[in-house]
Amino acid sequence: MGKDRRKPHHVHGVIPIPKLIAHKIWDAENNKITTRLQKDFDSIETVSSVLMEPIQVGKLMNWSVYMFKGKEFNLDRFC
């Protein structure tokens, strides 16, 4: 059975990745997730697509505001 090509709701998130293992996740030379990780995502039938990208320096709060789309954002909920 192939992947479900319907357009499901999408999810935004921020995943902190230690620099020590970042090379296993992000291919900095080609500015994309590693081929191995992409193959892993592609093998999951219930995942239609993944967009992963690094947050630009100084832009974490901008991304957080976008993710929450104007909803109350209280960092204390996550710590």
PDB file of N, CA and C in Angstrom:
ATOM      1  N   MET A   1       0.847  -1.185   0.000  1.00  0.00           N
ATOM      2  CA  MET A   1       0.000   0.000   0.000  1.00  0.00           C
ATOM      3  C   MET A   1       0.888   1.242   0.000  1.00  0.00           C
ATOM      4  N   GLY A   2       0.642   2.172  -0.880  1.00  0.00           N
ATOM      5  CA  GLY A   2       1.455   3.382  -0.986  1.00  0.00           C
ATOM      6  C   GLY A   2       1.086   4.428   0.057  1.00  0.00           C
ATOM      7  N   LYS A   3       1.796   5.501   0.007  1.00  0.00           N
ATOM      8  CA  LYS A   3       1.539   6.606   0.930  1.00  0.00           C
ATOM      9  C   LYS A   3       0.192   7.248   0.646  1.00  0.00           C
ATOM     10  N   ASP A   4      -0.443   7.744   1.680  1.00  0.00           N
ATOM     11  CA  ASP A   4      -1.714   8.452   1.554  1.00  0.00           C
ATOM     12  C   ASP A   4      -1.410   9.834   0.981  1.00  0.00           C
ATOM     13  N   ARG A   5      -1.841  10.111  -0.227  1.00  0.00           N
ATOM     14  CA  ARG A   5      -1.521  11.372  -0.901  1.00  0.00           C
ATOM     15  C   ARG A   5      -2.498  12.495  -0.568  1.00  0.00           C
ATOM     16  N   ARG A   6      -3.512  12.219   0.291  1.00  0.00           N
ATOM     17  CA  ARG A   6      -4.393  13.307   0.706  1.00  0.00           C
ATOM     18  C   ARG A   6      -3.584  14.308   1.500  1.00  0.00           C
ATOM     19  N   LYS A   7      -4.048  15.531   1.565  1.00  0.00           N
ATOM     20  CA  LYS A   7      -3.313  16.562   2.282  1.00  0.00           C
ATOM     21  C   LYS A   7      -3.832  16.663   3.713  1.00  0.00           C
ATOM     22  N   PRO A   8      -3.188  15.945   4.635  1.00  0.00           N
ATOM     23  CA  PRO A   8      -3.625  16.003   6.034  1.00  0.00           C
ATOM     24  C   PRO A   8      -3.190  17.313   6.677  1.00  0.00           C
ATOM     25  N   HIS A   9      -3.674  17.540   7.871  1.00  0.00           N
ATOM     26  CA  HIS A   9      -3.195  18.698   8.614  1.00  0.00           C
ATOM     27  C   HIS A   9      -1.687  18.589   8.744  1.00  0.00           C
ATOM     28  N   HIS A  10      -1.045  19.697   8.859  1.00  0.00           N
ATOM     29  CA  HIS A  10       0.400  19.655   9.018  1.00  0.00           C
ATOM     30  C   HIS A  10       0.773  20.089  10.434  1.00  0.00           C
ATOM     31  N   VAL A  11       1.966  19.745  10.810  1.00  0.00           N
ATOM     32  CA  VAL A  11       2.446  19.991  12.156  1.00  0.00           C
ATOM     33  C   VAL A  11       3.730  20.801  12.084  1.00  0.00           C
ATOM     34  N   HIS A  12       3.831  21.809  12.921  1.00  0.00           N
ATOM     35  CA  HIS A  12       5.062  22.593  13.044  1.00  0.00           C
ATOM     36  C   HIS A  12       5.726  22.204  14.351  1.00  0.00           C
ATOM     37  N   GLY A  13       7.019  22.270  14.381  1.00  0.00           N
ATOM     38  CA  GLY A  13       7.726  21.964  15.614  1.00  0.00           C
ATOM     39  C   GLY A  13       9.149  22.456  15.562  1.00  0.00           C
ATOM     40  N   VAL A  14       9.742  22.543  16.718  1.00  0.00           N
ATOM     41  CA  VAL A  14      11.148  22.899  16.843  1.00  0.00           C
ATOM     42  C   VAL A  14      11.815  21.773  17.614  1.00  0.00           C
ATOM     43  N   ILE A  15      12.854  21.227  17.040  1.00  0.00           N
ATOM     44  CA  ILE A  15      13.574  20.127  17.675  1.00  0.00           C
ATOM     45  C   ILE A  15      15.006  20.589  17.933  1.00  0.00           C
ATOM     46  N   PRO A  16      15.368  20.764  19.197  1.00  0.00           N
ATOM     47  CA  PRO A  16      16.762  21.142  19.480  1.00  0.00           C
ATOM     48  C   PRO A  16      17.676  19.931  19.256  1.00  0.00           C
ATOM     49  N   ILE A  17      18.705  20.131  18.469  1.00  0.00           N
ATOM     50  CA  ILE A  17      19.632  19.049  18.149  1.00  0.00           C
ATOM     51  C   ILE A  17      21.033  19.478  18.570  1.00  0.00           C
ATOM     52  N   PRO A  18      21.661  18.708  19.452  1.00  0.00           N
ATOM     53  CA  PRO A  18      23.018  19.058  19.882  1.00  0.00           C
ATOM     54  C   PRO A  18      23.985  19.091  18.689  1.00  0.00           C
ATOM     55  N   LYS A  19      24.902  20.034  18.690  1.00  0.00           N
ATOM     56  CA  LYS A  19      25.869  20.160  17.588  1.00  0.00           C
ATOM     57  C   LYS A  19      26.651  18.873  17.374  1.00  0.00           C
ATOM     58  N   LEU A  20      26.875  18.129  18.433  1.00  0.00           N
ATOM     59  CA  LEU A  20      27.650  16.894  18.360  1.00  0.00           C
ATOM     60  C   LEU A  20      27.029  15.873  17.395  1.00  0.00           C
ATOM     61  N   ILE A  21      25.715  15.873  17.269  1.00  0.00           N
ATOM     62  CA  ILE A  21      25.061  14.903  16.382  1.00  0.00           C
ATOM     63  C   ILE A  21      24.335  15.556  15.203  1.00  0.00           C
ATOM     64  N   ALA A  22      24.444  16.855  15.067  1.00  0.00           N
ATOM     65  CA  ALA A  22      23.737  17.568  13.989  1.00  0.00           C
ATOM     66  C   ALA A  22      24.081  17.016  12.611  1.00  0.00           C
ATOM     67  N   HIS A  23      25.307  16.559  12.420  1.00  0.00           N
ATOM     68  CA  HIS A  23      25.711  16.025  11.109  1.00  0.00           C
ATOM     69  C   HIS A  23      24.929  14.766  10.723  1.00  0.00           C
ATOM     70  N   LYS A  24      24.312  14.097  11.693  1.00  0.00           N
ATOM     71  CA  LYS A  24      23.501  12.919  11.397  1.00  0.00           C
ATOM     72  C   LYS A  24      22.100  13.303  10.925  1.00  0.00           C
ATOM     73  N   ILE A  25      21.726  14.556  11.176  1.00  0.00           N
ATOM     74  CA  ILE A  25      20.399  15.046  10.844  1.00  0.00           C
ATOM     75  C   ILE A  25      20.442  15.988   9.642  1.00  0.00           C
ATOM     76  N   TRP A  26      21.411  16.905   9.661  1.00  0.00           N
ATOM     77  CA  TRP A  26      21.456  17.983   8.670  1.00  0.00           C
ATOM     78  C   TRP A  26      22.737  17.923   7.851  1.00  0.00           C
ATOM     79  N   ASP A  27      22.595  17.918   6.530  1.00  0.00           N
ATOM     80  CA  ASP A  27      23.716  17.953   5.592  1.00  0.00           C
ATOM     81  C   ASP A  27      23.983  19.419   5.268  1.00  0.00           C
ATOM     82  N   ALA A  28      24.918  20.024   5.993  1.00  0.00           N
ATOM     83  CA  ALA A  28      25.190  21.459   5.851  1.00  0.00           C
ATOM     84  C   ALA A  28      25.750  21.796   4.473  1.00  0.00           C
ATOM     85  N   GLU A  29      26.515  20.910   3.903  1.00  0.00           N
ATOM     86  CA  GLU A  29      27.114  21.159   2.583  1.00  0.00           C
ATOM     87  C   GLU A  29      26.041  21.306   1.504  1.00  0.00           C
ATOM     88  N   ASN A  30      24.978  20.505   1.599  1.00  0.00           N
ATOM     89  CA  ASN A  30      23.904  20.542   0.601  1.00  0.00           C
ATOM     90  C   ASN A  30      22.643  21.231   1.107  1.00  0.00           C
ATOM     91  N   ASN A  31      22.699  21.749   2.339  1.00  0.00           N
ATOM     92  CA  ASN A  31      21.596  22.499   2.941  1.00  0.00           C
ATOM     93  C   ASN A  31      20.264  21.729   2.914  1.00  0.00           C
ATOM     94  N   LYS A  32      20.313  20.477   3.415  1.00  0.00           N
ATOM     95  CA  LYS A  32      19.113  19.647   3.474  1.00  0.00           C
ATOM     96  C   LYS A  32      19.310  18.557   4.525  1.00  0.00           C
ATOM     97  N   ILE A  33      18.207  17.861   4.861  1.00  0.00           N
ATOM     98  CA  ILE A  33      18.372  16.765   5.808  1.00  0.00           C
ATOM     99  C   ILE A  33      19.210  15.675   5.148  1.00  0.00           C
ATOM    100  N   THR A  34      19.849  14.865   5.961  1.00  0.00           N
ATOM    101  CA  THR A  34      20.729  13.838   5.414  1.00  0.00           C
ATOM    102  C   THR A  34      19.927  12.832   4.589  1.00  0.00           C
ATOM    103  N   THR A  35      20.578  12.246   3.617  1.00  0.00           N
ATOM    104  CA  THR A  35      19.944  11.255   2.746  1.00  0.00           C
ATOM    105  C   THR A  35      19.409  10.092   3.566  1.00  0.00           C
ATOM    106  N   ARG A  36      20.169   9.658   4.538  1.00  0.00           N
ATOM    107  CA  ARG A  36      19.744   8.530   5.373  1.00  0.00           C
ATOM    108  C   ARG A  36      18.452   8.857   6.123  1.00  0.00           C
ATOM    109  N   LEU A  37      18.376  10.051   6.711  1.00  0.00           N
ATOM    110  CA  LEU A  37      17.168  10.441   7.435  1.00  0.00           C
ATOM    111  C   LEU A  37      15.989  10.593   6.472  1.00  0.00           C
ATOM    112  N   GLN A  38      16.231  11.155   5.291  1.00  0.00           N
ATOM    113  CA  GLN A  38      15.160  11.291   4.303  1.00  0.00           C
ATOM    114  C   GLN A  38      14.607   9.921   3.912  1.00  0.00           C
ATOM    115  N   LYS A  39      15.501   8.945   3.728  1.00  0.00           N
ATOM    116  CA  LYS A  39      15.054   7.584   3.407  1.00  0.00           C
ATOM    117  C   LYS A  39      14.197   7.019   4.534  1.00  0.00           C
ATOM    118  N   ASP A  40      14.576   7.310   5.777  1.00  0.00           N
ATOM    119  CA  ASP A  40      13.777   6.850   6.920  1.00  0.00           C
ATOM    120  C   ASP A  40      12.380   7.467   6.878  1.00  0.00           C
ATOM    121  N   PHE A  41      12.301   8.769   6.653  1.00  0.00           N
ATOM    122  CA  PHE A  41      10.990   9.423   6.555  1.00  0.00           C
ATOM    123  C   PHE A  41      10.181   8.838   5.395  1.00  0.00           C
ATOM    124  N   ASP A  42      10.830   8.629   4.257  1.00  0.00           N
ATOM    125  CA  ASP A  42      10.143   8.094   3.075  1.00  0.00           C
ATOM    126  C   ASP A  42       9.592   6.684   3.305  1.00  0.00           C
ATOM    127  N   SER A  43      10.196   5.947   4.230  1.00  0.00           N
ATOM    128  CA  SER A  43       9.756   4.571   4.487  1.00  0.00           C
ATOM    129  C   SER A  43       8.513   4.497   5.374  1.00  0.00           C
ATOM    130  N   ILE A  44       8.112   5.616   5.977  1.00  0.00           N
ATOM    131  CA  ILE A  44       6.952   5.638   6.861  1.00  0.00           C
ATOM    132  C   ILE A  44       5.714   5.947   6.021  1.00  0.00           C
ATOM    133  N   GLU A  45       4.844   4.966   5.870  1.00  0.00           N
ATOM    134  CA  GLU A  45       3.694   5.122   4.981  1.00  0.00           C
ATOM    135  C   GLU A  45       2.713   6.193   5.429  1.00  0.00           C
ATOM    136  N   THR A  46       2.631   6.464   6.718  1.00  0.00           N
ATOM    137  CA  THR A  46       1.652   7.441   7.205  1.00  0.00           C
ATOM    138  C   THR A  46       2.169   8.870   7.168  1.00  0.00           C
ATOM    139  N   VAL A  47       3.416   9.078   6.765  1.00  0.00           N
ATOM    140  CA  VAL A  47       3.985  10.417   6.633  1.00  0.00           C
ATOM    141  C   VAL A  47       4.001  10.771   5.161  1.00  0.00           C
ATOM    142  N   SER A  48       3.237  11.816   4.780  1.00  0.00           N
ATOM    143  CA  SER A  48       3.177  12.165   3.360  1.00  0.00           C
ATOM    144  C   SER A  48       4.369  13.005   2.924  1.00  0.00           C
ATOM    145  N   SER A  49       4.885  13.855   3.804  1.00  0.00           N
ATOM    146  CA  SER A  49       6.075  14.637   3.470  1.00  0.00           C
ATOM    147  C   SER A  49       6.653  15.252   4.744  1.00  0.00           C
ATOM    148  N   VAL A  50       7.905  15.657   4.647  1.00  0.00           N
ATOM    149  CA  VAL A  50       8.595  16.292   5.768  1.00  0.00           C
ATOM    150  C   VAL A  50       9.397  17.465   5.221  1.00  0.00           C
ATOM    151  N   LEU A  51       9.284  18.590   5.882  1.00  0.00           N
ATOM    152  CA  LEU A  51      10.140  19.736   5.569  1.00  0.00           C
ATOM    153  C   LEU A  51      10.881  20.068   6.857  1.00  0.00           C
ATOM    154  N   MET A  52      12.171  19.909   6.825  1.00  0.00           N
ATOM    155  CA  MET A  52      12.995  20.208   7.985  1.00  0.00           C
ATOM    156  C   MET A  52      14.053  21.209   7.541  1.00  0.00           C
ATOM    157  N   GLU A  53      14.227  22.244   8.330  1.00  0.00           N
ATOM    158  CA  GLU A  53      15.229  23.246   8.005  1.00  0.00           C
ATOM    159  C   GLU A  53      15.710  23.904   9.285  1.00  0.00           C
ATOM    160  N   PRO A  54      16.949  24.371   9.290  1.00  0.00           N
ATOM    161  CA  PRO A  54      17.468  25.027  10.497  1.00  0.00           C
ATOM    162  C   PRO A  54      16.826  26.401  10.682  1.00  0.00           C
ATOM    163  N   ILE A  55      16.678  26.787  11.923  1.00  0.00           N
ATOM    164  CA  ILE A  55      16.185  28.133  12.224  1.00  0.00           C
ATOM    165  C   ILE A  55      17.368  29.085  12.114  1.00  0.00           C
ATOM    166  N   GLN A  56      17.171  30.181  11.421  1.00  0.00           N
ATOM    167  CA  GLN A  56      18.238  31.160  11.259  1.00  0.00           C
ATOM    168  C   GLN A  56      18.571  31.795  12.609  1.00  0.00           C
ATOM    169  N   VAL A  57      19.825  32.119  12.797  1.00  0.00           N
ATOM    170  CA  VAL A  57      20.276  32.737  14.038  1.00  0.00           C
ATOM    171  C   VAL A  57      19.449  33.994  14.311  1.00  0.00           C
ATOM    172  N   GLY A  58      18.911  34.083  15.531  1.00  0.00           N
ATOM    173  CA  GLY A  58      18.126  35.244  15.929  1.00  0.00           C
ATOM    174  C   GLY A  58      16.670  35.207  15.498  1.00  0.00           C
ATOM    175  N   LYS A  59      16.218  34.108  14.871  1.00  0.00           N
ATOM    176  CA  LYS A  59      14.852  34.042  14.336  1.00  0.00           C
ATOM    177  C   LYS A  59      13.959  33.049  15.081  1.00  0.00           C
ATOM    178  N   LEU A  60      14.411  32.502  16.202  1.00  0.00           N
ATOM    179  CA  LEU A  60      13.615  31.520  16.931  1.00  0.00           C
ATOM    180  C   LEU A  60      12.275  32.099  17.377  1.00  0.00           C
ATOM    181  N   MET A  61      12.248  33.320  17.887  1.00  0.00           N
ATOM    182  CA  MET A  61      10.996  33.898  18.359  1.00  0.00           C
ATOM    183  C   MET A  61      10.044  34.127  17.181  1.00  0.00           C
ATOM    184  N   ASN A  62      10.548  34.563  16.037  1.00  0.00           N
ATOM    185  CA  ASN A  62       9.703  34.746  14.848  1.00  0.00           C
ATOM    186  C   ASN A  62       9.036  33.430  14.466  1.00  0.00           C
ATOM    187  N   TRP A  63       9.809  32.359  14.464  1.00  0.00           N
ATOM    188  CA  TRP A  63       9.270  31.058  14.104  1.00  0.00           C
ATOM    189  C   TRP A  63       8.238  30.603  15.135  1.00  0.00           C
ATOM    190  N   SER A  64       8.497  30.844  16.398  1.00  0.00           N
ATOM    191  CA  SER A  64       7.563  30.457  17.456  1.00  0.00           C
ATOM    192  C   SER A  64       6.227  31.177  17.297  1.00  0.00           C
ATOM    193  N   VAL A  65       6.270  32.468  17.009  1.00  0.00           N
ATOM    194  CA  VAL A  65       5.038  33.242  16.803  1.00  0.00           C
ATOM    195  C   VAL A  65       4.271  32.674  15.613  1.00  0.00           C
ATOM    196  N   TYR A  66       4.969  32.358  14.531  1.00  0.00           N
ATOM    197  CA  TYR A  66       4.322  31.781  13.350  1.00  0.00           C
ATOM    198  C   TYR A  66       3.681  30.430  13.687  1.00  0.00           C
ATOM    199  N   MET A  67       4.414  29.578  14.404  1.00  0.00           N
ATOM    200  CA  MET A  67       3.896  28.257  14.744  1.00  0.00           C
ATOM    201  C   MET A  67       2.605  28.333  15.548  1.00  0.00           C
ATOM    202  N   PHE A  68       2.548  29.264  16.478  1.00  0.00           N
ATOM    203  CA  PHE A  68       1.386  29.364  17.348  1.00  0.00           C
ATOM    204  C   PHE A  68       0.267  30.208  16.748  1.00  0.00           C
ATOM    205  N   LYS A  69       0.526  30.823  15.594  1.00  0.00           N
ATOM    206  CA  LYS A  69      -0.487  31.560  14.831  1.00  0.00           C
ATOM    207  C   LYS A  69      -1.352  32.477  15.703  1.00  0.00           C
ATOM    208  N   GLY A  70      -0.698  33.266  16.531  1.00  0.00           N
ATOM    209  CA  GLY A  70      -1.418  34.252  17.327  1.00  0.00           C
ATOM    210  C   GLY A  70      -2.005  33.722  18.621  1.00  0.00           C
ATOM    211  N   LYS A  71      -1.904  32.416  18.863  1.00  0.00           N
ATOM    212  CA  LYS A  71      -2.403  31.861  20.112  1.00  0.00           C
ATOM    213  C   LYS A  71      -1.451  32.249  21.238  1.00  0.00           C
ATOM    214  N   GLU A  72      -1.933  32.198  22.440  1.00  0.00           N
ATOM    215  CA  GLU A  72      -1.085  32.559  23.585  1.00  0.00           C
ATOM    216  C   GLU A  72       0.149  31.663  23.613  1.00  0.00           C
ATOM    217  N   PHE A  73       1.291  32.278  23.736  1.00  0.00           N
ATOM    218  CA  PHE A  73       2.549  31.537  23.773  1.00  0.00           C
ATOM    219  C   PHE A  73       3.204  31.793  25.114  1.00  0.00           C
ATOM    220  N   ASN A  74       3.280  30.755  25.915  1.00  0.00           N
ATOM    221  CA  ASN A  74       3.891  30.852  27.237  1.00  0.00           C
ATOM    222  C   ASN A  74       4.972  29.792  27.323  1.00  0.00           C
ATOM    223  N   LEU A  75       6.219  30.215  27.267  1.00  0.00           N
ATOM    224  CA  LEU A  75       7.342  29.292  27.276  1.00  0.00           C
ATOM    225  C   LEU A  75       7.355  28.441  28.546  1.00  0.00           C
ATOM    226  N   ASP A  76       6.798  28.933  29.638  1.00  0.00           N
ATOM    227  CA  ASP A  76       6.775  28.167  30.892  1.00  0.00           C
ATOM    228  C   ASP A  76       6.035  26.838  30.730  1.00  0.00           C
ATOM    229  N   ARG A  77       5.105  26.752  29.777  1.00  0.00           N
ATOM    230  CA  ARG A  77       4.368  25.504  29.544  1.00  0.00           C
ATOM    231  C   ARG A  77       5.284  24.400  29.063  1.00  0.00           C
ATOM    232  N   PHE A  78       6.416  24.737  28.476  1.00  0.00           N
ATOM    233  CA  PHE A  78       7.278  23.761  27.864  1.00  0.00           C
ATOM    234  C   PHE A  78       8.537  23.472  28.670  1.00  0.00           C
ATOM    235  N   CYS A  79       8.737  24.182  29.736  1.00  0.00           N
ATOM    236  CA  CYS A  79       9.960  23.993  30.531  1.00  0.00           C
ATOM    237  C   CYS A  79       9.655  23.303  31.833  1.00  0.00           C
TER     238      CYS A  79
END
